[in-house]
C-alpha atoms as a PDB file:
ATOM      1  CA  MET A   1      -8.230 -25.843  44.584  1.00  0.00           C
ATOM      2  CA  SER A   2     -11.313 -26.689  42.534  1.00  0.00           C
ATOM      3  CA  LEU A   3      -9.669 -25.150  39.448  1.00  0.00           C
ATOM      4  CA  LEU A   4      -6.322 -26.950  39.661  1.00  0.00           C
ATOM      5  CA  PRO A   5      -4.327 -27.600  37.534  1.00  0.00           C
ATOM      6  CA  LEU A   6      -5.587 -24.292  36.073  1.00  0.00           C
ATOM      7  CA  ARG A   7      -4.313 -21.078  37.665  1.00  0.00           C
ATOM      8  CA  ARG A   8      -6.254 -17.826  37.338  1.00  0.00           C
ATOM      9  CA  ALA A   9      -4.895 -14.277  37.356  1.00  0.00           C
ATOM     10  CA  GLU A  10      -7.039 -13.075  40.257  1.00  0.00           C
ATOM     11  CA  SER A  11      -6.094  -9.408  39.847  1.00  0.00           C
ATOM     12  CA  LEU A  12      -7.904  -9.117  36.506  1.00  0.00           C
ATOM     13  CA  GLN A  13     -11.555  -8.081  36.640  1.00  0.00           C
ATOM     14  CA  THR A  14     -12.620  -7.106  33.111  1.00  0.00           C
ATOM     15  CA  PHE A  15     -11.562 -10.408  31.518  1.00  0.00           C
ATOM     16  CA  SER A  16     -10.367 -13.859  32.570  1.00  0.00           C
ATOM     17  CA  LEU A  17      -6.810 -15.136  32.188  1.00  0.00           C
ATOM     18  CA  PHE A  18      -5.846 -18.725  33.036  1.00  0.00           C
ATOM     19  CA  TRP A  19      -2.585 -20.653  32.815  1.00  0.00           C
ATOM     20  CA  LEU A  20      -2.187 -24.417  32.599  1.00  0.00           C
ATOM     21  CA  PRO A  21       1.349 -25.875  32.952  1.00  0.00           C
ATOM     22  CA  ALA A  22       2.391 -28.152  30.093  1.00  0.00           C
ATOM     23  CA  ARG A  23       5.575 -29.741  28.779  1.00  0.00           C
ATOM     24  CA  PHE A  24       5.920 -29.352  25.027  1.00  0.00           C
ATOM     25  CA  SER A  25       7.796 -31.563  22.535  1.00  0.00           C
ATOM     26  CA  THR A  26       8.249 -34.236  25.218  1.00  0.00           C
ATOM     27  CA  MET A  27       4.710 -34.143  26.648  1.00  0.00           C
ATOM     28  CA  PRO A  28       3.978 -37.250  28.778  1.00  0.00           C
ATOM     29  CA  ASP A  29       1.147 -39.464  27.551  1.00  0.00           C
ATOM     30  CA  GLY A  30      -0.847 -38.969  30.764  1.00  0.00           C
ATOM     31  CA  GLN A  31      -0.658 -35.198  30.449  1.00  0.00           C
ATOM     32  CA  LYS A  32      -1.755 -35.262  26.816  1.00  0.00           C
ATOM     33  CA  GLU A  33      -4.634 -37.652  27.562  1.00  0.00           C
ATOM     34  CA  TRP A  34      -5.933 -35.305  30.285  1.00  0.00           C
ATOM     35  CA  LEU A  35      -5.702 -32.297  27.967  1.00  0.00           C
ATOM     36  CA  ILE A  36      -7.499 -34.086  25.113  1.00  0.00           C
ATOM     37  CA  VAL A  37     -10.425 -34.955  27.401  1.00  0.00           C
ATOM     38  CA  PHE A  38     -10.453 -31.482  28.958  1.00  0.00           C
ATOM     39  CA  PHE A  39     -10.571 -29.657  25.604  1.00  0.00           C
ATOM     40  CA  LYS A  40     -13.226 -32.037  24.310  1.00  0.00           C
ATOM     41  CA  HIS A  41     -15.485 -31.166  27.274  1.00  0.00           C
ATOM     42  CA  LEU A  42     -14.637 -27.474  26.939  1.00  0.00           C
ATOM     43  CA  ASP A  43     -15.537 -27.462  23.258  1.00  0.00           C
ATOM     44  CA  GLN A  44     -18.909 -29.042  24.008  1.00  0.00           C
ATOM     45  CA  LYS A  45     -19.624 -26.565  26.816  1.00  0.00           C
ATOM     46  CA  ILE A  46     -18.722 -23.557  24.689  1.00  0.00           C
ATOM     47  CA  ALA A  47     -20.883 -24.805  21.828  1.00  0.00           C
ATOM     48  CA  GLU A  48     -23.863 -25.396  24.119  1.00  0.00           C
ATOM     49  CA  ASP A  49     -23.611 -22.412  26.466  1.00  0.00           C
ATOM     50  CA  LEU A  50     -21.943 -19.690  24.394  1.00  0.00           C
ATOM     51  CA  GLU A  51     -22.592 -20.788  20.781  1.00  0.00           C
ATOM     52  CA  LEU A  52     -19.242 -19.520  19.521  1.00  0.00           C
ATOM     53  CA  ALA A  53     -17.523 -20.365  16.232  1.00  0.00           C
ATOM     54  CA  LYS A  54     -14.282 -22.338  16.612  1.00  0.00           C
ATOM     55  CA  LEU A  55     -11.158 -21.566  14.571  1.00  0.00           C
ATOM     56  CA  LEU A  56      -8.116 -23.861  14.642  1.00  0.00           C
ATOM     57  CA  PHE A  57      -4.525 -22.804  13.933  1.00  0.00           C
ATOM     58  CA  LEU A  58      -1.137 -24.530  13.792  1.00  0.00           C
ATOM     59  CA  HIS A  59       2.172 -22.706  13.547  1.00  0.00           C
ATOM     60  CA  GLU A  60       4.202 -23.816  10.555  1.00  0.00           C
ATOM     61  CA  GLN A  61       7.419 -23.742  12.576  1.00  0.00           C
ATOM     62  CA  THR A  62       6.058 -26.659  14.621  1.00  0.00           C
ATOM     63  CA  LEU A  63       5.955 -28.795  11.488  1.00  0.00           C
ATOM     64  CA  ARG A  64       9.509 -27.889  10.514  1.00  0.00           C
ATOM     65  CA  GLY A  65      10.759 -29.240  13.822  1.00  0.00           C
ATOM     66  CA  ASN A  66       9.033 -32.627  13.598  1.00  0.00           C
ATOM     67  CA  ASN A  67       9.277 -34.822  10.502  1.00  0.00           C
ATOM     68  CA  GLU A  68       6.590 -37.269  11.653  1.00  0.00           C
ATOM     69  CA  LEU A  69       4.124 -34.462  12.311  1.00  0.00           C
ATOM     70  CA  LYS A  70       4.989 -32.827   8.983  1.00  0.00           C
ATOM     71  CA  GLU A  71       4.392 -36.065   7.098  1.00  0.00           C
ATOM     72  CA  HIS A  72       0.990 -36.505   8.766  1.00  0.00           C
ATOM     73  CA  PHE A  73       0.054 -32.928   7.902  1.00  0.00           C
ATOM     74  CA  TYR A  74       0.961 -33.093   4.216  1.00  0.00           C
ATOM     75  CA  LYS A  75      -0.643 -36.500   3.726  1.00  0.00           C
ATOM     76  CA  ARG A  76      -3.951 -35.001   4.863  1.00  0.00           C
ATOM     77  CA  LEU A  77      -3.841 -31.644   3.087  1.00  0.00           C
ATOM     78  CA  HIS A  78      -7.039 -32.458   1.179  1.00  0.00           C
ATOM     79  CA  ARG A  79      -8.806 -33.088   4.483  1.00  0.00           C
ATOM     80  CA  TYR A  80      -7.441 -30.204   6.536  1.00  0.00           C
ATOM     81  CA  ALA A  81      -7.670 -27.648   3.687  1.00  0.00           C
ATOM     82  CA  PRO A  82      -5.216 -25.358   5.549  1.00  0.00           C
ATOM     83  CA  VAL A  83      -5.220 -21.625   4.821  1.00  0.00           C
ATOM     84  CA  PRO A  84      -1.814 -19.985   5.520  1.00  0.00           C
ATOM     85  CA  GLY A  85      -1.490 -16.543   7.046  1.00  0.00           C
ATOM     86  CA  PRO A  86       1.093 -14.548   9.008  1.00  0.00           C
ATOM     87  CA  SER A  87       1.583 -15.015  12.737  1.00  0.00           C
ATOM     88  CA  ARG A  88       3.016 -12.153  14.806  1.00  0.00           C
ATOM     89  CA  SER A  89       3.940 -11.438  18.401  1.00  0.00           C
ATOM     90  CA  LEU A  90       3.204  -7.949  19.744  1.00  0.00           C
ATOM     91  CA  THR A  91       6.887  -7.179  20.252  1.00  0.00           C
ATOM     92  CA  GLN A  92       7.992  -8.481  16.871  1.00  0.00           C
ATOM     93  CA  PRO A  93       9.219  -5.763  14.485  1.00  0.00           C
ATOM     94  CA  PRO A  94       8.394  -6.013  10.767  1.00  0.00           C
ATOM     95  CA  ARG A  95      10.627  -8.472   8.948  1.00  0.00           C
ATOM     96  CA  ALA A  96      13.693  -6.960   7.277  1.00  0.00           C
ATOM     97  CA  LYS A  97      13.588  -6.598   3.510  1.00  0.00           C
ATOM     98  CA  MET A  98      16.313  -8.363   1.579  1.00  0.00           C
ATOM     99  CA  GLY A  99      18.119  -5.799  -0.554  1.00  0.00           C
ATOM    100  CA  PRO A 100      20.700  -6.418  -3.319  1.00  0.00           C
ATOM    101  CA  GLY A 101      23.558  -6.362  -0.787  1.00  0.00           C
ATOM    102  CA  ASP A 102      21.807  -8.868   1.460  1.00  0.00           C
ATOM    103  CA  MET A 103      21.130 -11.137  -1.502  1.00  0.00           C
ATOM    104  CA  LYS A 104      24.824 -11.078  -2.434  1.00  0.00           C
ATOM    105  CA  LYS A 105      25.905 -11.925   1.117  1.00  0.00           C
ATOM    106  CA  PHE A 106      23.302 -14.677   1.263  1.00  0.00           C
ATOM    107  CA  ALA A 107      24.489 -16.172  -2.032  1.00  0.00           C
ATOM    108  CA  ASN A 108      28.147 -16.081  -0.958  1.00  0.00           C
ATOM    109  CA  ASN A 109      27.511 -17.564   2.478  1.00  0.00           C
ATOM    110  CA  ARG A 110      28.708 -21.169   2.474  1.00  0.00           C
ATOM    111  CA  LYS A 111      27.722 -21.961   6.072  1.00  0.00           C
ATOM    112  CA  ASN A 112      24.122 -23.074   5.456  1.00  0.00           C
ATOM    113  CA  PRO A 113      22.604 -19.567   5.308  1.00  0.00           C
ATOM    114  CA  SER A 114      19.122 -19.093   6.736  1.00  0.00           C
ATOM    115  CA  ILE A 115      16.423 -16.902   5.239  1.00  0.00           C
ATOM    116  CA  ASP A 116      14.404 -16.947   8.492  1.00  0.00           C
ATOM    117  CA  PRO A 117      15.290 -13.319   9.384  1.00  0.00           C
ATOM    118  CA  TYR A 118      13.568 -12.243   6.172  1.00  0.00           C
ATOM    119  CA  MET A 119      10.592 -14.620   6.275  1.00  0.00           C
ATOM    120  CA  THR A 120       7.262 -13.948   7.937  1.00  0.00           C
ATOM    121  CA  GLU A 121       6.240 -16.633  10.401  1.00  0.00           C
ATOM    122  CA  VAL A 122       3.209 -18.545   9.173  1.00  0.00           C
ATOM    123  CA  ALA A 123       0.238 -20.230  10.839  1.00  0.00           C
ATOM    124  CA  PHE A 124      -2.229 -22.552   9.111  1.00  0.00           C
ATOM    125  CA  ARG A 125      -5.926 -22.139   9.735  1.00  0.00           C
ATOM    126  CA  PHE A 126      -7.714 -25.491   9.591  1.00  0.00           C
ATOM    127  CA  LEU A 127     -11.147 -26.338   8.303  1.00  0.00           C
ATOM    128  CA  HIS A 128     -12.986 -27.266  11.518  1.00  0.00           C
ATOM    129  CA  ASP A 129     -15.172 -30.023  10.048  1.00  0.00           C
ATOM    130  CA  GLY A 130     -12.165 -31.761   8.526  1.00  0.00           C
ATOM    131  CA  ALA A 131      -9.977 -31.583  11.610  1.00  0.00           C
ATOM    132  CA  ALA A 132     -11.728 -33.756  14.182  1.00  0.00           C
ATOM    133  CA  ASP A 133      -8.348 -35.145  15.256  1.00  0.00           C
ATOM    134  CA  PHE A 134      -6.673 -31.721  15.459  1.00  0.00           C
ATOM    135  CA  THR A 135      -6.131 -31.716  19.225  1.00  0.00           C
ATOM    136  CA  LYS A 136      -5.161 -35.392  19.373  1.00  0.00           C
ATOM    137  CA  VAL A 137      -2.534 -35.050  16.650  1.00  0.00           C
ATOM    138  CA  PHE A 138      -1.102 -31.551  16.959  1.00  0.00           C
ATOM    139  CA  MET A 139      -1.351 -30.726  20.656  1.00  0.00           C
ATOM    140  CA  GLY A 140       1.777 -31.020  22.772  1.00  0.00           C
ATOM    141  CA  TYR A 141       4.302 -29.461  20.389  1.00  0.00           C
ATOM    142  CA  GLY A 142       3.897 -25.809  21.367  1.00  0.00           C
ATOM    143  CA  GLY A 143       2.291 -24.645  18.117  1.00  0.00           C
ATOM    144  CA  MET A 144      -1.481 -24.994  18.602  1.00  0.00           C
ATOM    145  CA  THR A 145      -3.853 -22.030  18.873  1.00  0.00           C
ATOM    146  CA  ILE A 146      -7.643 -22.231  19.232  1.00  0.00           C
ATOM    147  CA  VAL A 147      -9.833 -19.154  18.890  1.00  0.00           C
ATOM    148  CA  TYR A 148     -13.556 -18.915  19.635  1.00  0.00           C
ATOM    149  CA  CYS A 149     -15.487 -16.067  18.030  1.00  0.00           C
ATOM    150  CA  GLY A 150     -19.025 -14.846  18.562  1.00  0.00           C
ATOM    151  CA  ASP A 151     -19.317 -13.372  15.083  1.00  0.00           C
ATOM    152  CA  ALA A 152     -16.614 -14.943  12.954  1.00  0.00           C
ATOM    153  CA  SER A 153     -18.658 -14.435   9.803  1.00  0.00           C
ATOM    154  CA  GLU A 154     -21.388 -12.252   8.399  1.00  0.00           C
ATOM    155  CA  GLU A 155     -23.897 -13.036   5.682  1.00  0.00           C
ATOM    156  CA  MET A 156     -23.055 -11.667   2.241  1.00  0.00           C
ATOM    157  CA  MET A 157     -26.067 -12.943   0.347  1.00  0.00           C
ATOM    158  CA  PRO A 158     -29.409 -14.215   1.669  1.00  0.00           C
ATOM    159  CA  PRO A 159     -30.153 -17.899   1.027  1.00  0.00           C
ATOM    160  CA  MET A 160     -32.003 -18.587  -2.176  1.00  0.00           C
ATOM    161  CA  GLN A 161     -35.325 -20.344  -1.667  1.00  0.00           C
ATOM    162  CA  VAL A 162     -35.780 -23.057  -4.262  1.00  0.00           C
ATOM    163  CA  PRO A 163     -39.099 -24.912  -4.530  1.00  0.00           C
ATOM    164  CA  ALA A 164     -39.014 -28.670  -4.110  1.00  0.00           C
ATOM    165  CA  MET A 165     -38.956 -30.650  -7.331  1.00  0.00           C
ATOM    166  CA  PRO A 166     -41.031 -33.766  -8.012  1.00  0.00           C
ATOM    167  CA  LYS A 167     -39.151 -37.018  -8.108  1.00  0.00           C
ATOM    168  CA  VAL A 168     -37.969 -37.802 -11.611  1.00  0.00           C
ATOM    169  CA  ALA A 169     -37.937 -41.404 -12.785  1.00  0.00           C
ATOM    170  CA  VAL A 170     -34.550 -42.347 -14.244  1.00  0.00           C
ATOM    171  CA  PRO A 171     -34.414 -45.353 -16.623  1.00  0.00           C
ATOM    172  CA  LYS A 172     -32.572 -48.342 -15.163  1.00  0.00           C
ATOM    173  CA  PHE A 173     -29.979 -48.478 -17.919  1.00  0.00           C
ATOM    174  CA  LEU A 174     -29.033 -44.857 -17.087  1.00  0.00           C
ATOM    175  CA  GLN A 175     -28.997 -45.547 -13.345  1.00  0.00           C
ATOM    176  CA  LYS A 176     -26.229 -48.097 -13.941  1.00  0.00           C
ATOM    177  CA  HIS A 177     -24.067 -45.608 -15.815  1.00  0.00           C
ATOM    178  CA  THR A 178     -21.051 -44.779 -13.605  1.00  0.00           C
ATOM    179  CA  LEU A 179     -21.087 -41.024 -14.110  1.00  0.00           C
ATOM    180  CA  LEU A 180     -24.845 -40.607 -13.743  1.00  0.00           C
ATOM    181  CA  LYS A 181     -24.932 -42.878 -10.696  1.00  0.00           C
ATOM    182  CA  THR A 182     -22.389 -40.667  -8.968  1.00  0.00           C
ATOM    183  CA  MET A 183     -24.459 -37.583  -9.710  1.00  0.00           C
ATOM    184  CA  ILE A 184     -27.865 -38.873  -8.588  1.00  0.00           C
ATOM    185  CA  GLU A 185     -27.046 -41.319  -5.785  1.00  0.00           C
ATOM    186  CA  ASP A 186     -27.604 -38.738  -3.026  1.00  0.00           C
ATOM    187  CA  PHE A 187     -29.929 -36.368  -4.892  1.00  0.00           C
ATOM    188  CA  GLU A 188     -32.913 -35.337  -2.776  1.00  0.00           C
ATOM    189  CA  PRO A 189     -35.984 -33.991  -4.627  1.00  0.00           C
ATOM    190  CA  ALA A 190     -37.039 -32.130  -1.481  1.00  0.00           C
ATOM    191  CA  ARG A 191     -33.654 -30.351  -1.419  1.00  0.00           C
ATOM    192  CA  PRO A 192     -32.870 -29.710  -5.076  1.00  0.00           C
ATOM    193  CA  SER A 193     -30.257 -27.063  -4.333  1.00  0.00           C
ATOM    194  CA  ALA A 194     -28.230 -29.330  -2.014  1.00  0.00           C
ATOM    195  CA  MET A 195     -24.753 -29.941  -3.366  1.00  0.00           C
ATOM    196  CA  PRO A 196     -24.066 -33.531  -4.579  1.00  0.00           C
ATOM    197  CA  GLY A 197     -21.685 -35.517  -2.416  1.00  0.00           C
ATOM    198  CA  PHE A 198     -19.015 -35.907  -5.091  1.00  0.00           C
ATOM    199  CA  LEU A 199     -18.767 -32.100  -5.298  1.00  0.00           C
ATOM    200  CA  ARG A 200     -19.239 -31.405  -1.602  1.00  0.00           C
ATOM    201  CA  ASN A 201     -16.325 -33.683  -0.681  1.00  0.00           C
ATOM    202  CA  HIS A 202     -13.959 -32.389  -3.363  1.00  0.00           C
ATOM    203  CA  PRO A 203     -10.816 -30.701  -1.879  1.00  0.00           C
ATOM    204  CA  ALA A 204     -11.457 -27.521  -3.874  1.00  0.00           C
ATOM    205  CA  MET A 205     -14.918 -27.173  -2.341  1.00  0.00           C
ATOM    206  CA  GLN A 206     -13.462 -27.679   1.129  1.00  0.00           C
ATOM    207  CA  VAL A 207     -11.138 -24.746   0.487  1.00  0.00           C
ATOM    208  CA  LEU A 208     -14.142 -22.678  -0.620  1.00  0.00           C
ATOM    209  CA  SER A 209     -15.910 -23.614   2.582  1.00  0.00           C
ATOM    210  CA  THR A 210     -12.914 -22.488   4.654  1.00  0.00           C
ATOM    211  CA  GLY A 211     -12.445 -19.175   2.883  1.00  0.00           C
ATOM    212  CA  LEU A 212     -16.051 -18.068   2.447  1.00  0.00           C
ATOM    213  CA  GLY A 213     -17.811 -19.950   5.210  1.00  0.00           C
ATOM    214  CA  VAL A 214     -20.189 -21.788   2.874  1.00  0.00           C
ATOM    215  CA  ASP A 215     -22.242 -24.479   4.599  1.00  0.00           C
ATOM    216  CA  LEU A 216     -21.778 -27.301   2.096  1.00  0.00           C
ATOM    217  CA  ASN A 217     -24.312 -29.517   3.843  1.00  0.00           C
ATOM    218  CA  SER A 218     -27.138 -27.032   3.623  1.00  0.00           C
ATOM    219  CA  GLY A 219     -29.777 -27.157   0.923  1.00  0.00           C
ATOM    220  CA  ASN A 220     -30.038 -23.365   0.957  1.00  0.00           C
ATOM    221  CA  SER A 221     -26.448 -22.409   1.590  1.00  0.00           C
ATOM    222  CA  SER A 222     -25.844 -18.737   2.192  1.00  0.00           C
ATOM    223  CA  ILE A 223     -22.408 -17.321   1.485  1.00  0.00           C
ATOM    224  CA  HIS A 224     -20.676 -15.696   4.427  1.00  0.00           C
ATOM    225  CA  LEU A 225     -17.683 -13.380   4.453  1.00  0.00           C
ATOM    226  CA  ASP A 226     -15.156 -14.315   7.091  1.00  0.00           C
ATOM    227  CA  THR A 227     -14.769 -11.267   9.337  1.00  0.00           C
ATOM    228  CA  PHE A 228     -12.144 -12.781  11.663  1.00  0.00           C
ATOM    229  CA  GLY A 229      -9.546 -12.108   8.978  1.00  0.00           C
ATOM    230  CA  LYS A 230     -10.463  -8.443   8.575  1.00  0.00           C
ATOM    231  CA  LYS A 231     -10.766  -7.806  12.300  1.00  0.00           C
ATOM    232  CA  SER A 232      -7.451  -9.522  13.063  1.00  0.00           C
ATOM    233  CA  LYS A 233      -5.705  -7.409  10.420  1.00  0.00           C
ATOM    234  CA  ASP A 234      -7.270  -4.188  11.715  1.00  0.00           C
ATOM    235  CA  VAL A 235      -6.160  -4.860  15.299  1.00  0.00           C
ATOM    236  CA  PHE A 236      -2.934  -6.872  14.991  1.00  0.00           C
ATOM    237  CA  GLY A 237      -1.642  -5.669  11.617  1.00  0.00           C
ATOM    238  CA  LYS A 238      -1.034  -1.990  12.344  1.00  0.00           C
ATOM    239  CA  ALA A 239       2.750  -2.404  12.237  1.00  0.00           C
ATOM    240  CA  ILE A 240       2.700  -3.987   8.772  1.00  0.00           C
ATOM    241  CA  GLU A 241      -0.367  -2.410   7.140  1.00  0.00           C
ATOM    242  CA  ASP A 242       1.818  -0.509   4.662  1.00  0.00           C
ATOM    243  CA  SER A 243       3.690  -3.625   3.512  1.00  0.00           C
ATOM    244  CA  ALA A 244       3.155  -5.104   0.073  1.00  0.00           C
ATOM    245  CA  GLY A 245       0.425  -7.730  -0.071  1.00  0.00           C
ATOM    246  CA  PHE A 246      -1.213  -6.715   3.205  1.00  0.00           C
ATOM    247  CA  GLU A 247      -4.662  -6.383   1.629  1.00  0.00           C
ATOM    248  CA  GLY A 248      -4.488  -9.949   0.349  1.00  0.00           C
ATOM    249  CA  LEU A 249      -3.670 -11.537   3.712  1.00  0.00           C
ATOM    250  CA  PRO A 250      -6.474 -13.870   4.890  1.00  0.00           C
ATOM    251  CA  PHE A 251      -5.781 -13.129   8.582  1.00  0.00           C
ATOM    252  CA  ILE A 252      -3.092 -12.246  11.120  1.00  0.00           C
ATOM    253  CA  LEU A 253      -2.841 -14.622  14.046  1.00  0.00           C
ATOM    254  CA  PRO A 254      -1.385 -12.965  17.169  1.00  0.00           C
ATOM    255  CA  ARG A 255       1.029 -14.947  19.331  1.00  0.00           C
ATOM    256  CA  LEU A 256      -0.040 -13.758  22.774  1.00  0.00           C
ATOM    257  CA  SER A 257       1.495 -14.752  26.097  1.00  0.00           C
ATOM    258  CA  SER A 258       0.276 -14.154  29.633  1.00  0.00           C
ATOM    259  CA  SER A 259       2.634 -11.169  29.930  1.00  0.00           C
ATOM    260  CA  ASP A 260       0.979  -9.559  26.886  1.00  0.00           C
ATOM    261  CA  PHE A 261      -2.431  -9.679  28.562  1.00  0.00           C
ATOM    262  CA  LEU A 262      -1.019  -8.439  31.881  1.00  0.00           C
ATOM    263  CA  ALA A 263       1.196  -5.666  30.499  1.00  0.00           C
ATOM    264  CA  GLN A 264      -1.176  -3.988  28.037  1.00  0.00           C
ATOM    265  CA  ALA A 265      -3.662  -1.289  28.978  1.00  0.00           C
ATOM    266  CA  GLU A 266      -7.240  -2.417  29.500  1.00  0.00           C
ATOM    267  CA  GLU A 267      -8.423  -0.392  26.502  1.00  0.00           C
ATOM    268  CA  GLU A 268      -5.956  -2.193  24.226  1.00  0.00           C
ATOM    269  CA  VAL A 269      -6.917  -5.661  25.488  1.00  0.00           C
ATOM    270  CA  ARG A 270     -10.580  -4.786  24.949  1.00  0.00           C
ATOM    271  CA  THR A 271      -9.853  -4.331  21.222  1.00  0.00           C
ATOM    272  CA  TRP A 272      -8.395  -7.851  21.155  1.00  0.00           C
ATOM    273  CA  PHE A 273     -11.647  -9.243  22.480  1.00  0.00           C
ATOM    274  CA  GLY A 274     -13.363  -7.528  19.590  1.00  0.00           C
ATOM    275  CA  VAL A 275     -11.513 -10.002  17.348  1.00  0.00           C
ATOM    276  CA  PHE A 276     -12.145 -13.099  19.473  1.00  0.00           C
ATOM    277  CA  ASP A 277     -14.155 -14.096  22.554  1.00  0.00           C
ATOM    278  CA  ILE A 278     -11.779 -16.805  23.814  1.00  0.00           C
ATOM    279  CA  TYR A 279      -8.093 -17.226  22.995  1.00  0.00           C
ATOM    280  CA  ILE A 280      -6.240 -20.478  23.760  1.00  0.00           C
ATOM    281  CA  ARG A 281      -2.576 -20.930  22.891  1.00  0.00           C
ATOM    282  CA  GLU A 282       0.200 -23.403  23.598  1.00  0.00           C
ATOM    283  CA  CYS A 283       2.749 -20.861  24.788  1.00  0.00           C
ATOM    284  CA  PRO A 284       6.376 -22.071  25.005  1.00  0.00           C
ATOM    285  CA  GLU A 285       7.521 -18.808  26.614  1.00  0.00           C
ATOM    286  CA  ASP A 286       5.015 -19.393  29.448  1.00  0.00           C
ATOM    287  CA  GLU A 287       5.805 -23.122  29.609  1.00  0.00           C
ATOM    288  CA  GLY A 288       2.118 -23.868  29.448  1.00  0.00           C
ATOM    289  CA  ILE A 289      -1.243 -23.161  27.867  1.00  0.00           C
ATOM    290  CA  VAL A 290      -2.721 -19.657  28.079  1.00  0.00           C
ATOM    291  CA  ILE A 291      -6.511 -19.241  28.087  1.00  0.00           C
ATOM    292  CA  ALA A 292      -7.937 -15.714  27.901  1.00  0.00           C
ATOM    293  CA  SER A 293     -11.637 -14.929  27.688  1.00  0.00           C
ATOM    294  CA  LYS A 294     -14.051 -12.018  27.884  1.00  0.00           C
ATOM    295  CA  HIS A 295     -16.559 -14.519  29.320  1.00  0.00           C
ATOM    296  CA  ASN A 296     -16.354 -15.779  32.903  1.00  0.00           C
ATOM    297  CA  LEU A 297     -15.248 -19.396  32.416  1.00  0.00           C
ATOM    298  CA  ARG A 298     -14.532 -20.171  36.077  1.00  0.00           C
ATOM    299  CA  GLN A 299     -17.730 -22.153  36.706  1.00  0.00           C
ATOM    300  CA  MET A 300     -17.420 -23.966  33.385  1.00  0.00           C
ATOM    301  CA  PHE A 301     -13.864 -25.045  34.266  1.00  0.00           C
ATOM    302  CA  LYS A 302     -14.914 -26.156  37.761  1.00  0.00           C
ATOM    303  CA  GLU A 303     -17.658 -28.387  36.361  1.00  0.00           C
ATOM    304  CA  ILE A 304     -15.378 -29.955  33.743  1.00  0.00           C
ATOM    305  CA  ILE A 305     -12.516 -30.619  36.172  1.00  0.00           C
ATOM    306  CA  ALA A 306     -14.871 -32.017  38.849  1.00  0.00           C
ATOM    307  CA  SER A 307     -16.384 -34.385  36.278  1.00  0.00           C
ATOM    308  CA  MET A 308     -12.942 -35.511  35.139  1.00  0.00           C
ATOM    309  CA  ARG A 309     -11.852 -36.180  38.716  1.00  0.00           C
ATOM    310  CA  VAL A 310     -14.899 -38.392  39.228  1.00  0.00           C
ATOM    311  CA  ASP A 311     -13.858 -40.302  36.096  1.00  0.00           C
ATOM    312  CA  GLY A 312     -10.381 -40.813  37.544  1.00  0.00           C
ATOM    313  CA  TYR A 313      -8.399 -38.287  35.482  1.00  0.00           C
ATOM    314  CA  GLN A 314      -5.451 -36.722  37.309  1.00  0.00           C
ATOM    315  CA  TYR A 315      -3.172 -34.108  35.742  1.00  0.00           C
ATOM    316  CA  TRP A 316       0.549 -34.755  35.892  1.00  0.00           C
ATOM    317  CA  GLU A 317       2.302 -31.389  35.875  1.00  0.00           C
ATOM    318  CA  GLY A 318       5.829 -32.728  35.607  1.00  0.00           C
END
């Protein structure tokens, strides 16, 4: 009772699997408010107790089904800096290749032909720092996935130690120059290698931060290679590893349901937890949110839910 509205698969011992009922597309406001608060507390707990990296994903198909959501997404591309990659379910066969005969049939089809059977489903990975409103905006449509990783990146190059520079006096007439003012307004002599704000906030640099894991706010930024992408391809890309362009894929996001975790052998599931520590997905086929973890989250959930009950939050299951 202390875990409700979460349900736990009690038969599992080597990892934790929870299910939270949710109504997608037409999610009631009260249900969404509860979930926003719950995931906010969970994020804080995971950061404090487990120190895991957080990766945010949104399935592109969710955007296609909602014009308002799609407009919000594309208006904020510079902020979200989304990185697209394929999304696959375990039972999904490789997409069919369109041959010359298929192209001819497609061209001659006058009944609004669809290329979906030939297209790989796509998920966008968001830049965490630029997506503070991710849960508030995109949750409730059945397309959100959150992954927590213990080692999502590894250092490629050690940070370069740069000695502090003495403060340089800039003539007043130069300080008033628009271009120079932009360059020196947040320059810190004690952190000479820190990136200027006008560069740090540029959309191109945000993309660099997403792809290579560069800490743009650090004075001695070390470049990291994102290993989530490689690990996800090694584990979830076996069925398509011979396809063209596989090497260039940034990641493969698995679409896992509760039945996937329950049906697979323990050895197979253990390889999944080598890619991520915690997996959270809005799962339409389960009519709810699936939370799987190699960490025991029971006590963490109990504390969060008890605190929310004290604050008057009640979950409406519908």
